[in-house]
């Protein structure tokens, strides 16, 4: 069988993901493999129609497609997303129809579920026969049991093709009714109270719903809110995964991104992302932005900011995107003040929501209000805490210094009081009479410290 591997790593031949692909190739040599480095070569593919057509011709003649990529900032890298955009823009979707598909990723399991839900949706939209995914920790290839797991994944993929197994779709087609937002003229404004407000978008189209939402939002602040478009900033490309920023937070790209980020994003008190959803996700230009902010490594550079989203598109049909928006805010230790989405198809409601979001961002910023983190934020912190303290510390030295300075290495074993208490109580619970009394009084005793706080008020 012919298997086309669409590789999504910007690193090219030095990609960790590629080693997983090569391992499968060596263990299953009976198949014909064609590897296309679509992320690493994205600029060439954009500018060379013959090269793009050659890739599409291989897809058309293939029995199966393996999407292989590293996870960058919750999703596939920006370069890979750009290739997926090209499939839509150049009307090549028909060649993917009915092809068997699987997804293979490498990461440190930082929101890799979001990336795979997205790729599942892409394959469903392309009407591919999606068999499943393998999300590897980047070190899994070094472990015998995980190598066996990888081969099981590959065998299931190959067997599905041979047996012509049919797989149920997880994501149905997106239904988006035509709706145009018509805001009404208003004189009411909101005092910005000296807060710096930045609205960021990937491009301006003032006739679109998103453009009108941006205008309406900035007008509420009597035009004190600044709006900036990414298409007016020189950004030479997405993150290359080179890790050269790990020592002193300097990007290898020589463009305007760092200057823009440090002079516009960092000083803002309130940051509003204005995003249009298209083809299951935001644009590759937006993904460039999210990936390139990695020059700060895993330091929460948006800490203390109020964040909001203006969104045009069917967000409710793409729950993984909501996970991204919430997860981004929580991981960055910012506060998600709210989201305004135009899918309610009611201009009056949208105006009300815009006004509420504008007021909330000021009120929350003045009051220094931050919602407590959920699993999205707490889990993110623990993943990176363990990884940075462990194997990647030598490469992410700027992270390591920040984590020490801000006491982010908050491992449970450092709490010696709890450790000693647990040792004592574990010993005592071996006595049946003590154990019976302990569990009898557990609920009451557990509440006592909290009751004392309430009583002191």
Foldseek 3Di string as FASTA:
>chain_A
DEEEEEEQALQPPPDLQVVLVVLLCVVCVPYHYHYDPQLVCVVVVVVPVVVVVVSLVSLLPGQAYEYTAEDFQLAGFLSVLVNLVVCVVVVSLQSQAAHEYEYEYEALVQNPVLHQLLVLLLSVVSNYQYDYYHYYHSCLVVDPVSSVVSNVVVVSSVVCSVVVDHDDRPADDDDADDFFADADDDDAADALVPFAAEEEEADADCRGNLNVLVVLLCVNNVVSHYYDHLVVFDDPDAQNPPLPLQPPLDGPDDTCLVVCCVPPVLRGQEYEYEFEDDSLGTHSSVSRNSRVVCSLPQALSCALHEYEYEYEDDCVSRVSVVLSVLLNCLSSNHADQYYQYCRVSDNVVSSVVSSSSSVSRSVCSVVSDHDDDDCSNVVSLVSVLVVCVPDCVVSNVVVVVVCVVVVSNPDPVVPVVVVVVVVVVVVVCVPVVSVVVCVVCVVVVVCVVVVVVVVVD
